[in-house]
Protein backbone atom coordinates (compact mmCIF):
# COMPACT_ATOMS: atom_id res chain seq x y z
CA MET A 1 0.00 0.00 0.00
CA ASP A 2 1.53 3.35 -1.04
CA SER A 3 1.77 6.47 1.13
CA ASN A 4 -1.29 7.99 -0.56
CA SER A 5 -3.52 5.09 0.46
CA LEU A 6 -5.00 4.50 3.91
CA ARG A 7 -6.03 1.21 5.49
CA ILE A 8 -9.25 1.61 7.45
CA ASP A 9 -9.27 -0.73 10.44
CA GLY A 10 -11.30 1.10 13.10
CA SER A 11 -8.42 1.98 15.38
CA ARG A 12 -5.64 3.96 13.69
CA LEU A 13 -7.31 6.77 11.77
CA ARG A 14 -5.73 10.18 12.35
CA CYS A 15 -7.26 13.59 11.88
CA ASP A 16 -4.76 14.30 9.10
CA ASP A 17 -5.90 11.10 7.36
CA VAL A 18 -9.51 12.28 7.37
CA VAL A 19 -8.45 15.58 5.82
CA ARG A 20 -6.41 13.84 3.13
CA VAL A 21 -9.35 11.68 2.07
CA ALA A 22 -11.86 14.53 2.33
CA ARG A 23 -9.75 16.78 0.12
CA ARG A 24 -8.92 13.99 -2.32
CA ARG A 25 -5.25 13.71 -1.47
CA ALA A 26 -5.46 10.05 -0.46
CA SER A 27 -7.40 6.90 -1.30
CA LEU A 28 -8.37 4.12 1.10
CA GLU A 29 -8.94 0.43 1.42
CA LEU A 30 -10.92 -1.46 4.05
CA ASP A 31 -8.96 -3.83 6.25
CA GLY A 32 -10.09 -7.43 5.76
CA LYS A 33 -9.85 -8.36 9.43
CA ALA A 34 -11.92 -5.34 10.41
CA LEU A 35 -14.59 -6.34 7.90
CA GLU A 36 -14.57 -9.87 9.30
CA GLN A 37 -14.92 -8.56 12.87
CA ALA A 38 -17.82 -6.36 11.80
CA GLY A 39 -19.46 -9.51 10.45
CA HIS A 40 -19.08 -11.17 13.85
CA ALA A 41 -20.70 -8.15 15.52
CA TYR A 42 -23.61 -8.40 13.08
CA GLU A 43 -24.12 -12.04 14.05
CA VAL A 44 -23.97 -11.21 17.77
CA ALA A 45 -26.53 -8.44 17.28
CA ARG A 46 -28.93 -10.70 15.37
CA ASP A 47 -28.57 -13.41 18.02
CA SER A 48 -29.18 -10.90 20.82
CA GLU A 49 -32.47 -9.82 19.27
CA THR A 50 -33.85 -13.32 19.89
CA LYS A 51 -32.93 -13.25 23.59
CA ARG A 52 -33.68 -9.76 24.92
CA ALA A 53 -34.99 -6.31 24.10
CA VAL A 54 -32.40 -4.38 22.11
CA TYR A 55 -32.99 -0.66 21.72
CA GLY A 56 -33.75 0.38 18.16
CA ARG A 57 -33.69 -3.20 16.92
CA THR A 58 -36.60 -4.84 18.73
CA THR A 59 -38.02 -1.53 20.00
CA GLY A 60 -38.73 1.98 18.87
CA VAL A 61 -36.32 4.81 19.70
CA GLY A 62 -36.37 7.79 22.05
CA ALA A 63 -39.53 7.86 24.14
CA ASN A 64 -40.78 4.93 22.02
CA ARG A 65 -38.19 2.66 23.60
CA HIS A 66 -40.86 0.49 25.20
CA GLU A 67 -42.77 0.01 21.94
CA VAL A 68 -42.05 -3.51 20.68
CA VAL A 69 -41.40 -3.90 16.95
CA ASP A 70 -43.11 -6.73 15.10
CA PRO A 71 -40.20 -9.03 14.15
CA HIS A 72 -41.91 -9.84 10.85
CA GLY A 73 -41.78 -6.17 9.88
CA ALA A 74 -38.25 -5.43 11.07
CA ASP A 75 -37.02 -4.48 7.60
CA GLN A 76 -39.75 -1.88 7.19
CA HIS A 77 -39.16 -0.66 10.75
CA GLY A 78 -35.59 0.18 9.80
CA LEU A 79 -36.64 2.04 6.66
CA ARG A 80 -39.37 3.90 8.58
CA LEU A 81 -36.77 4.95 11.13
CA LEU A 82 -34.48 6.29 8.43
CA ARG A 83 -37.25 8.09 6.59
CA SER A 84 -38.60 9.71 9.74
CA HIS A 85 -35.18 10.90 10.87
CA ALA A 86 -34.03 12.31 7.51
CA GLY A 87 -35.65 15.62 8.39
CA THR A 88 -32.76 18.05 8.00
CA THR A 89 -32.64 21.48 6.41
CA GLY A 90 -30.17 24.26 5.70
CA GLU A 91 -27.61 24.48 2.95
CA PRO A 92 -26.29 21.29 1.31
CA SER A 93 -23.00 20.26 2.86
CA ASP A 94 -19.78 20.75 0.91
CA GLU A 95 -18.50 17.58 -0.73
CA ASP A 96 -15.30 17.72 1.34
CA LEU A 97 -17.41 17.62 4.48
CA VAL A 98 -19.50 14.70 3.22
CA ARG A 99 -16.36 12.75 2.28
CA ALA A 100 -14.95 13.39 5.75
CA THR A 101 -18.24 12.17 7.25
CA LEU A 102 -18.14 8.99 5.18
CA VAL A 103 -14.57 8.07 6.07
CA ILE A 104 -15.15 8.73 9.77
CA ARG A 105 -18.34 6.68 9.80
CA LEU A 106 -16.60 3.87 7.92
CA ASN A 107 -13.77 3.80 10.43
CA GLN A 108 -16.17 3.83 13.38
CA LEU A 109 -18.12 0.93 11.89
CA ALA A 110 -14.82 -0.90 11.32
CA ALA A 111 -14.31 -0.75 15.10
CA ALA A 112 -17.03 -3.45 15.12
CA GLY A 113 -19.38 -2.25 17.83
CA SER A 114 -22.44 -1.31 15.79
CA GLY A 115 -23.71 -4.65 14.54
CA VAL A 116 -24.52 -3.35 11.05
CA HIS A 117 -24.32 -5.76 8.14
CA PRO A 118 -20.74 -5.72 6.80
CA ARG A 119 -21.99 -4.88 3.32
CA LEU A 120 -22.60 -1.34 4.59
CA LEU A 121 -18.87 -1.01 5.31
CA THR A 122 -18.06 -2.29 1.85
CA ALA A 123 -20.52 0.17 0.33
CA LEU A 124 -19.01 3.13 2.19
CA ALA A 125 -15.53 2.15 1.07
CA THR A 126 -16.71 1.73 -2.51
CA ALA A 127 -18.46 5.11 -2.55
CA LEU A 128 -15.31 6.84 -1.32
CA ARG A 129 -13.19 4.99 -3.84
CA VAL A 130 -15.36 5.87 -6.87
CA GLY A 131 -16.28 9.39 -5.77
CA ALA A 132 -19.97 8.82 -5.03
CA ILE A 133 -21.21 11.58 -2.71
CA PRO A 134 -24.65 11.72 -1.02
CA VAL A 135 -26.41 15.02 -0.39
CA THR A 136 -26.69 16.03 3.27
CA HIS A 137 -27.82 19.25 4.91
CA THR A 138 -26.26 21.37 7.62
CA ARG A 139 -29.07 21.80 10.16
CA GLY A 140 -30.63 19.19 12.41
CA SER A 141 -28.12 18.04 15.06
CA ILE A 142 -27.66 19.16 18.67
CA GLY A 143 -24.64 17.13 19.71
CA THR A 144 -26.43 13.89 20.59
CA GLY A 145 -25.93 12.14 17.27
CA ASP A 146 -26.10 13.34 13.67
CA LEU A 147 -29.25 11.32 13.13
CA GLY A 148 -30.66 13.42 10.32
CA GLN A 149 -27.54 13.68 8.17
CA LEU A 150 -26.69 10.02 8.61
CA ALA A 151 -30.26 9.02 7.79
CA GLU A 152 -29.92 11.01 4.56
CA ILE A 153 -26.73 9.08 3.79
CA ALA A 154 -28.30 5.71 4.65
CA LEU A 155 -31.33 6.36 2.46
CA THR A 156 -29.06 7.38 -0.40
CA PHE A 157 -27.18 4.09 -0.11
CA ALA A 158 -30.51 2.25 0.07
CA GLY A 159 -31.54 3.83 -3.23
CA GLU A 160 -34.32 6.05 -1.82
CA ARG A 161 -32.55 9.40 -2.33
CA PRO A 162 -30.63 10.70 -5.34
CA TRP A 163 -26.85 10.92 -5.18
CA GLY A 164 -25.26 14.33 -5.31
CA THR A 165 -22.26 13.13 -7.32
CA GLY A 166 -21.83 9.72 -8.94
CA GLY A 167 -23.46 6.78 -7.24
CA ILE A 168 -23.29 3.05 -6.49
CA ALA A 169 -25.81 0.20 -6.61
CA PRO A 170 -28.45 0.25 -3.82
CA VAL A 171 -27.57 -1.54 -0.59
CA PRO A 172 -30.30 -3.41 1.33
CA VAL A 173 -31.03 -2.23 4.87
CA SER A 174 -30.93 -5.28 7.15
CA PRO A 175 -33.07 -5.48 10.30
CA GLY A 176 -31.30 -3.45 12.96
CA ASP A 177 -29.05 -1.59 10.50
CA ALA A 178 -30.95 1.69 10.65
CA LEU A 179 -30.27 2.88 14.19
CA ALA A 180 -26.87 1.18 14.22
CA PHE A 181 -25.82 3.22 11.18
CA ILE A 182 -27.14 6.63 12.27
CA SER A 183 -26.04 6.30 15.91
CA SER A 184 -22.97 8.47 15.45
CA ASN A 185 -21.70 12.05 15.50
CA ALA A 186 -19.69 11.51 12.31
CA ALA A 187 -20.89 14.67 10.54
CA THR A 188 -20.09 16.91 13.51
CA LEU A 189 -16.73 15.20 13.90
CA ALA A 190 -16.05 15.71 10.19
CA ARG A 191 -16.73 19.44 10.40
CA SER A 192 -14.59 19.66 13.52
CA VAL A 193 -11.67 17.80 11.93
CA LEU A 194 -11.69 20.05 8.85
CA ALA A 195 -11.93 23.14 11.07
CA TRP A 196 -9.04 21.88 13.22
CA SER A 197 -6.91 21.33 10.13
CA ASP A 198 -7.61 24.77 8.69
CA LEU A 199 -7.01 26.47 12.01
CA ARG A 200 -3.77 24.61 12.62
CA THR A 201 -2.52 25.97 9.28
CA LEU A 202 -3.50 29.52 10.26
CA LEU A 203 -1.84 29.20 13.66
CA ARG A 204 1.39 28.12 11.97
CA ALA A 205 1.10 31.00 9.53
CA SER A 206 0.53 33.42 12.39
CA HIS A 207 4.09 32.81 13.59
CA THR A 208 5.40 33.88 10.19
CA VAL A 209 3.11 36.92 9.94
CA ALA A 210 4.04 38.02 13.46
CA ALA A 211 7.73 37.60 12.57
CA LEU A 212 7.29 39.93 9.57
CA SER A 213 5.59 42.51 11.79
CA PHE A 214 8.39 42.10 14.34
CA CYS A 215 10.94 42.98 11.67
CA ALA A 216 8.89 45.92 10.40
CA LEU A 217 8.57 47.31 13.92
CA GLY A 218 12.16 46.64 15.03
CA GLY A 219 11.07 44.45 17.93
CA SER A 220 13.16 43.30 20.86
CA PRO A 221 14.30 39.64 20.81
CA GLU A 222 14.33 39.42 24.61
CA ALA A 223 10.64 38.47 24.69
CA PHE A 224 11.41 35.24 22.82
CA ALA A 225 14.57 34.22 24.69
CA ALA A 226 14.76 30.54 25.66
CA ARG A 227 15.91 31.45 29.18
CA VAL A 228 12.86 33.64 29.65
CA HIS A 229 10.43 30.89 28.66
CA ALA A 230 12.21 28.27 30.71
CA GLN A 231 11.00 30.16 33.79
CA ARG A 232 7.33 29.64 32.89
CA PRO A 233 7.35 26.60 30.63
CA HIS A 234 3.81 26.31 29.32
CA PRO A 235 4.27 24.02 26.28
CA GLY A 236 2.45 26.27 23.82
CA SER A 237 4.32 29.40 24.83
CA VAL A 238 7.67 27.60 24.74
CA HIS A 239 6.89 26.29 21.26
CA CYS A 240 5.77 29.71 20.01
CA ALA A 241 8.92 31.40 21.28
CA SER A 242 11.06 28.67 19.70
CA GLU A 243 9.27 29.16 16.37
CA MET A 244 9.86 32.91 16.51
CA ARG A 245 13.57 32.37 17.16
CA ARG A 246 13.74 29.94 14.25
CA LEU A 247 11.88 32.21 11.86
CA LEU A 248 13.68 35.39 12.83
CA TRP A 249 17.25 34.35 13.50
CA ALA A 250 17.73 30.68 12.61
CA ASP A 251 20.97 29.79 14.38
CA THR A 252 22.37 33.32 14.66
CA GLU A 253 22.49 35.61 17.70
CA PRO A 254 19.92 38.42 17.37
CA GLU A 255 20.73 42.10 17.66
CA PRO A 256 19.20 43.97 20.64
CA GLY A 257 15.90 45.71 19.92
CA ARG A 258 15.62 49.48 19.63
CA ARG A 259 12.93 49.74 22.34
CA LEU A 260 13.12 48.90 26.01
CA GLN A 261 9.56 47.53 26.03
CA ASP A 262 7.66 46.43 22.92
CA PRO A 263 3.87 46.70 22.63
CA PHE A 264 2.00 43.65 23.83
CA GLY A 265 1.32 42.51 20.26
CA LEU A 266 5.00 41.59 20.01
CA ARG A 267 6.10 41.13 23.60
CA ALA A 268 3.22 38.93 24.79
CA PHE A 269 2.74 36.97 21.56
CA PRO A 270 4.03 33.63 22.96
CA GLN A 271 1.90 33.95 26.07
CA VAL A 272 -1.26 34.53 24.00
CA GLN A 273 -0.50 32.23 21.07
CA GLY A 274 0.54 29.40 23.41
CA PRO A 275 -2.92 28.64 24.82
CA ALA A 276 -4.36 28.50 21.30
CA LEU A 277 -1.71 26.00 20.23
CA GLU A 278 -2.47 23.88 23.28
CA ALA A 279 -6.21 24.12 22.67
CA ALA A 280 -5.73 22.90 19.08
CA ASP A 281 -3.69 19.95 20.38
CA ALA A 282 -6.39 19.13 22.94
CA LEU A 283 -9.04 19.18 20.24
CA GLU A 284 -6.97 16.83 18.08
CA THR A 285 -6.70 14.41 21.00
CA ALA A 286 -10.47 14.40 21.55
CA LEU A 287 -11.19 14.03 17.85
CA THR A 288 -8.75 11.14 17.48
CA VAL A 289 -10.54 9.24 20.25
CA ASP A 290 -13.96 9.81 18.72
CA ILE A 291 -13.16 9.02 15.08
CA ASN A 292 -11.79 5.65 16.23
CA ALA A 293 -14.62 4.89 18.66
CA ALA A 294 -17.22 2.15 18.61
CA ALA A 295 -19.63 4.60 20.22
CA GLU A 296 -22.93 3.35 18.81
CA ASN A 297 -25.82 2.89 21.22
CA PRO A 298 -26.31 0.05 21.85
CA PHE A 299 -22.76 -1.31 21.79
CA ILE A 300 -22.46 -4.84 20.42
CA ASP A 301 -19.59 -6.53 22.25
CA VAL A 302 -18.10 -9.24 20.07
CA GLU A 303 -15.78 -10.52 22.81
CA THR A 304 -18.51 -11.23 25.38
CA GLY A 305 -21.56 -11.51 23.12
CA ASP A 306 -23.30 -8.90 25.29
CA VAL A 307 -25.23 -5.78 24.35
CA TYR A 308 -24.71 -2.57 26.30
CA HIS A 309 -26.98 0.48 26.31
CA HIS A 310 -25.09 3.67 27.19
CA GLY A 311 -24.55 7.40 26.63
CA HIS A 312 -21.61 7.58 24.24
CA PHE A 313 -23.72 9.74 21.93
CA ALA A 314 -23.00 12.66 24.30
CA THR A 315 -20.19 14.87 22.98
CA SER A 316 -19.33 17.21 25.83
CA HIS A 317 -15.59 16.64 25.37
CA LEU A 318 -15.82 17.87 21.79
CA ALA A 319 -18.13 20.80 22.53
CA LEU A 320 -16.03 22.07 25.42
CA ASP A 321 -12.79 21.72 23.46
CA LEU A 322 -14.27 23.66 20.54
CA ASP A 323 -15.55 26.40 22.85
CA HIS A 324 -12.14 26.65 24.47
CA LEU A 325 -10.36 26.82 21.13
CA ARG A 326 -12.53 29.64 19.76
CA ALA A 327 -11.95 31.72 22.87
CA ALA A 328 -8.19 31.13 22.70
CA VAL A 329 -7.96 32.04 19.01
CA HIS A 330 -9.95 35.21 19.61
CA HIS A 331 -7.18 36.38 21.92
CA VAL A 332 -4.59 35.62 19.23
CA ALA A 333 -6.59 37.61 16.68
CA GLU A 334 -6.75 40.55 19.09
CA LEU A 335 -2.96 40.68 19.09
CA SER A 336 -2.90 40.56 15.29
CA THR A 337 -5.16 43.62 15.07
CA ALA A 338 -2.96 45.31 17.70
CA ARG A 339 0.14 44.71 15.58
CA LEU A 340 -1.67 46.12 12.54
CA SER A 341 -2.36 49.27 14.55
CA ASP A 342 1.32 49.40 15.49
CA LEU A 343 2.32 49.13 11.83
CA VAL A 344 0.33 52.23 10.84
CA GLU A 345 1.67 54.26 13.81
CA PRO A 346 4.71 56.41 12.82
CA ASP A 347 6.11 56.45 16.37
CA LEU A 348 6.48 52.66 16.21
CA SER A 349 7.16 52.00 12.51
CA GLY A 350 9.24 55.08 11.65
CA LEU A 351 7.13 55.37 8.48
CA PRO A 352 4.31 57.70 7.35
CA PRO A 353 0.90 57.35 9.03
CA PHE A 354 -1.11 54.43 7.65
CA LEU A 355 1.90 53.52 5.51
CA ALA A 356 0.67 56.03 2.95
CA ASP A 357 3.05 56.71 0.06
CA GLY A 358 1.34 59.43 -1.93
CA PRO A 359 0.34 63.09 -1.75
CA ALA A 360 -0.46 64.73 1.59
CA GLY A 361 -3.64 63.32 3.07
CA SER A 362 -3.27 59.91 1.42
CA SER A 363 -4.96 57.13 3.42
CA GLY A 364 -2.63 54.22 2.60
CA ILE A 365 -3.92 51.10 4.32
CA MET A 366 -6.15 52.93 6.81
CA ILE A 367 -9.17 50.83 5.82
CA LEU A 368 -7.47 47.59 6.87
CA GLU A 369 -8.02 48.42 10.54
CA TYR A 370 -11.75 48.69 9.89
CA LEU A 371 -11.79 45.38 8.08
CA ALA A 372 -9.69 43.61 10.71
CA HIS A 373 -11.91 44.82 13.54
CA ASP A 374 -15.03 43.83 11.65
CA ALA A 375 -13.61 40.31 11.32
CA LEU A 376 -12.51 40.36 14.96
CA SER A 377 -16.02 41.33 16.02
CA GLN A 378 -17.39 38.33 14.14
CA MET A 379 -14.88 36.13 15.94
CA ARG A 380 -15.97 37.57 19.26
CA HIS A 381 -19.60 36.65 18.57
CA ALA A 382 -18.56 33.19 17.35
CA ALA A 383 -16.54 32.67 20.53
CA ALA A 384 -19.64 32.73 22.73
CA PRO A 385 -19.83 29.31 24.45
CA VAL A 386 -22.50 26.99 23.11
CA THR A 387 -22.09 24.58 26.01
CA LEU A 388 -24.10 26.81 28.37
CA GLY A 389 -27.33 25.76 26.66
CA THR A 390 -29.21 22.49 26.75
CA ALA A 391 -32.37 20.85 25.43
CA VAL A 392 -35.04 18.54 26.81
CA ILE A 393 -36.65 16.50 24.03
CA SER A 394 -38.36 13.20 23.26
CA ARG A 395 -40.99 13.58 25.99
CA GLY A 396 -38.33 14.43 28.56
CA LEU A 397 -36.31 11.25 28.13
CA GLU A 398 -33.42 12.99 26.40
CA ASP A 399 -32.70 15.82 28.81
CA HIS A 400 -29.26 17.08 27.89
CA ALA A 401 -27.46 18.22 24.74
CA SER A 402 -23.87 19.38 24.27
CA PHE A 403 -24.53 21.39 21.09
CA SER A 404 -21.16 20.29 19.76
CA THR A 405 -22.60 20.64 16.26
CA GLN A 406 -23.23 24.33 16.84
CA ALA A 407 -19.75 24.64 18.34
CA ALA A 408 -18.30 23.14 15.16
CA HIS A 409 -20.27 25.56 12.97
CA ALA A 410 -19.13 28.50 15.11
CA THR A 411 -15.52 27.34 14.88
CA THR A 412 -15.71 27.17 11.09
CA ALA A 413 -17.07 30.73 11.03
CA ALA A 414 -14.38 31.97 13.41
CA ILE A 415 -11.66 30.49 11.22
CA ALA A 416 -12.89 32.40 8.16
CA SER A 417 -12.78 35.66 10.12
CA TYR A 418 -9.36 34.90 11.60
CA ARG A 419 -8.02 34.30 8.09
CA THR A 420 -9.07 37.85 7.19
CA VAL A 421 -7.50 39.32 10.33
CA LEU A 422 -4.16 37.66 9.55
CA ALA A 423 -4.31 38.74 5.92
CA CYS A 424 -4.73 42.37 6.97
CA GLU A 425 -1.69 42.18 9.24
CA LEU A 426 0.30 40.47 6.50
CA LEU A 427 -0.49 43.26 4.03
CA GLY A 428 0.60 45.86 6.56
CA ALA A 429 3.84 44.09 7.48
CA VAL A 430 4.88 43.50 3.86
CA ARG A 431 4.09 47.09 2.88
CA ALA A 432 6.06 48.47 5.82
CA LEU A 433 9.09 46.29 5.08
CA THR A 434 8.97 47.18 1.39
CA MET A 435 8.71 50.91 2.11
CA SER A 436 11.58 50.85 4.59
CA GLY A 437 13.83 48.67 2.42
CA ALA A 438 14.70 46.65 5.50
CA GLN A 439 17.41 44.01 5.17
CA LEU A 440 16.19 40.90 6.93
CA PRO A 441 18.49 38.27 8.46
CA GLY A 442 19.33 35.06 6.60
CA ALA A 443 16.44 33.18 8.19
CA PRO A 444 12.99 31.90 7.11
CA VAL A 445 11.45 35.34 7.67
CA ARG A 446 13.47 36.63 4.70
CA ASP A 447 12.05 33.85 2.53
CA ALA A 448 8.58 34.79 3.75
CA LEU A 449 9.06 38.42 2.72
CA ARG A 450 10.37 37.47 -0.71
CA LEU A 451 7.44 35.12 -1.27
CA ALA A 452 4.95 37.78 -0.21
CA GLN A 453 6.57 40.50 -2.29
CA ARG A 454 6.34 38.30 -5.39
CA THR A 455 2.57 37.95 -5.00
CA LEU A 456 1.57 41.22 -3.30
CA PRO A 457 2.31 44.26 -5.50
CA MET A 458 3.61 47.47 -3.96
CA ILE A 459 1.20 50.09 -5.27
CA LYS A 460 2.10 53.49 -3.87
CA GLU A 461 -1.02 55.49 -4.62
CA ASP A 462 -4.29 54.91 -2.77
CA HIS A 463 -6.30 52.12 -4.39
CA PRO A 464 -8.89 49.43 -3.55
CA LEU A 465 -7.31 46.66 -1.44
CA THR A 466 -9.93 43.95 -1.97
CA GLN A 467 -7.93 41.83 -4.40
CA GLU A 468 -4.76 42.09 -2.30
CA ILE A 469 -6.65 40.91 0.79
CA THR A 470 -7.80 37.82 -1.11
CA VAL A 471 -4.26 37.15 -2.34
CA ALA A 472 -2.93 37.56 1.20
CA GLU A 473 -5.49 35.08 2.54
CA ASP A 474 -4.49 32.58 -0.13
CA LEU A 475 -0.81 33.07 0.72
CA LEU A 476 -1.17 32.03 4.36
CA PRO A 477 -0.87 28.23 3.81
CA ALA A 478 2.46 28.74 2.02
CA LEU A 479 3.73 30.92 4.87
CA ALA A 480 2.68 28.19 7.31
CA GLU A 481 5.13 25.79 5.68
CA LEU A 482 8.24 27.97 6.02
């Protein structure tokens, strides 16, 4: 198996793997032993139905848990369950998101705790391999299972809904398959994984952008000294300071700064960026657990032959980690807007106000502060914690919800705004360095400036900045790799 192909076995899927499949940078194959184990779980589940009540298989769901299903109509019960739960709305999901949902659900089913018929695993793998994508919608989950989206997917595989792209032959829904398939938070996890990946790229790029601003403002290296951070060794702050030393000076000894005390945007950058880096790592840890989890309710235990009813549908870990991450990144974005303000301040940059380079009264990049603070305001609203709400539904039986789905949506929105904030700072830093003709040290920051100057034109006279903002946003992934 080559490096661009993944083996799905239910236990070793990484967040990066999900992103690679979702964005069509990797293919996959289903592990034979995992498929065999899923078959054993299916047999255990079918056997259990003859011995005891099994939620969603021999009974209804939610407050209908005591309603006994006629065993002679079990097939239709499963289809009724799917049809009734496919009640979503909102915009159609992006294909990348649907692909991420499919690969996560496939891997969870390969963990062999659901009891679905193994042909469903084969069908998921085939759809991903040939590029068949169901249509799902964005609204309908509250963090207790993506029942609606997964019902849409199941009905598409069963041949009852049209495919969005491509398609495969219909797959029969076996008795008990319906709840077992939709009992998952795969769609919310998919959105969270893609958001985590995009944000991780922006956080890496933020080191490079901050380094460019540092050079434009003649910052003091003392704030990033290893001996300073050894005294308060929070992992994220230590890593941020190390990255700044690497980007700014490589292996050389830096010159002293021209100011005794830098503004907080430079001096406190490691202390503010550090918590965001740690929050992203914590989210990755939680996601990795969940995308490899046999979390279906009920859990079919192949080893003991038992069936367990439980609460693994609850996603408080994910919701809280997403809330934490948005709050942490908002602080980082605040520092980016602060550095932009520093760049347009002559007392700090040594350059004309607003980096204007035209006749008296020229505005330069004045408007970027407005744009950055607009985006920051959107981040502030998105950072409001969703985990302070709850819901009581299904006749009071289901009396808690994490709203992790809403947290994932809010995180995606915050990332888009943060991208704009960073782009505004990048434009300011590159313009300031170009105007000053600064000679940067032989370190990655010099490569960053050269890359940016090749793609961002230096236009002296006042002009619309819209296109340059878009180019700057698109440049951030490349800066993240330096």
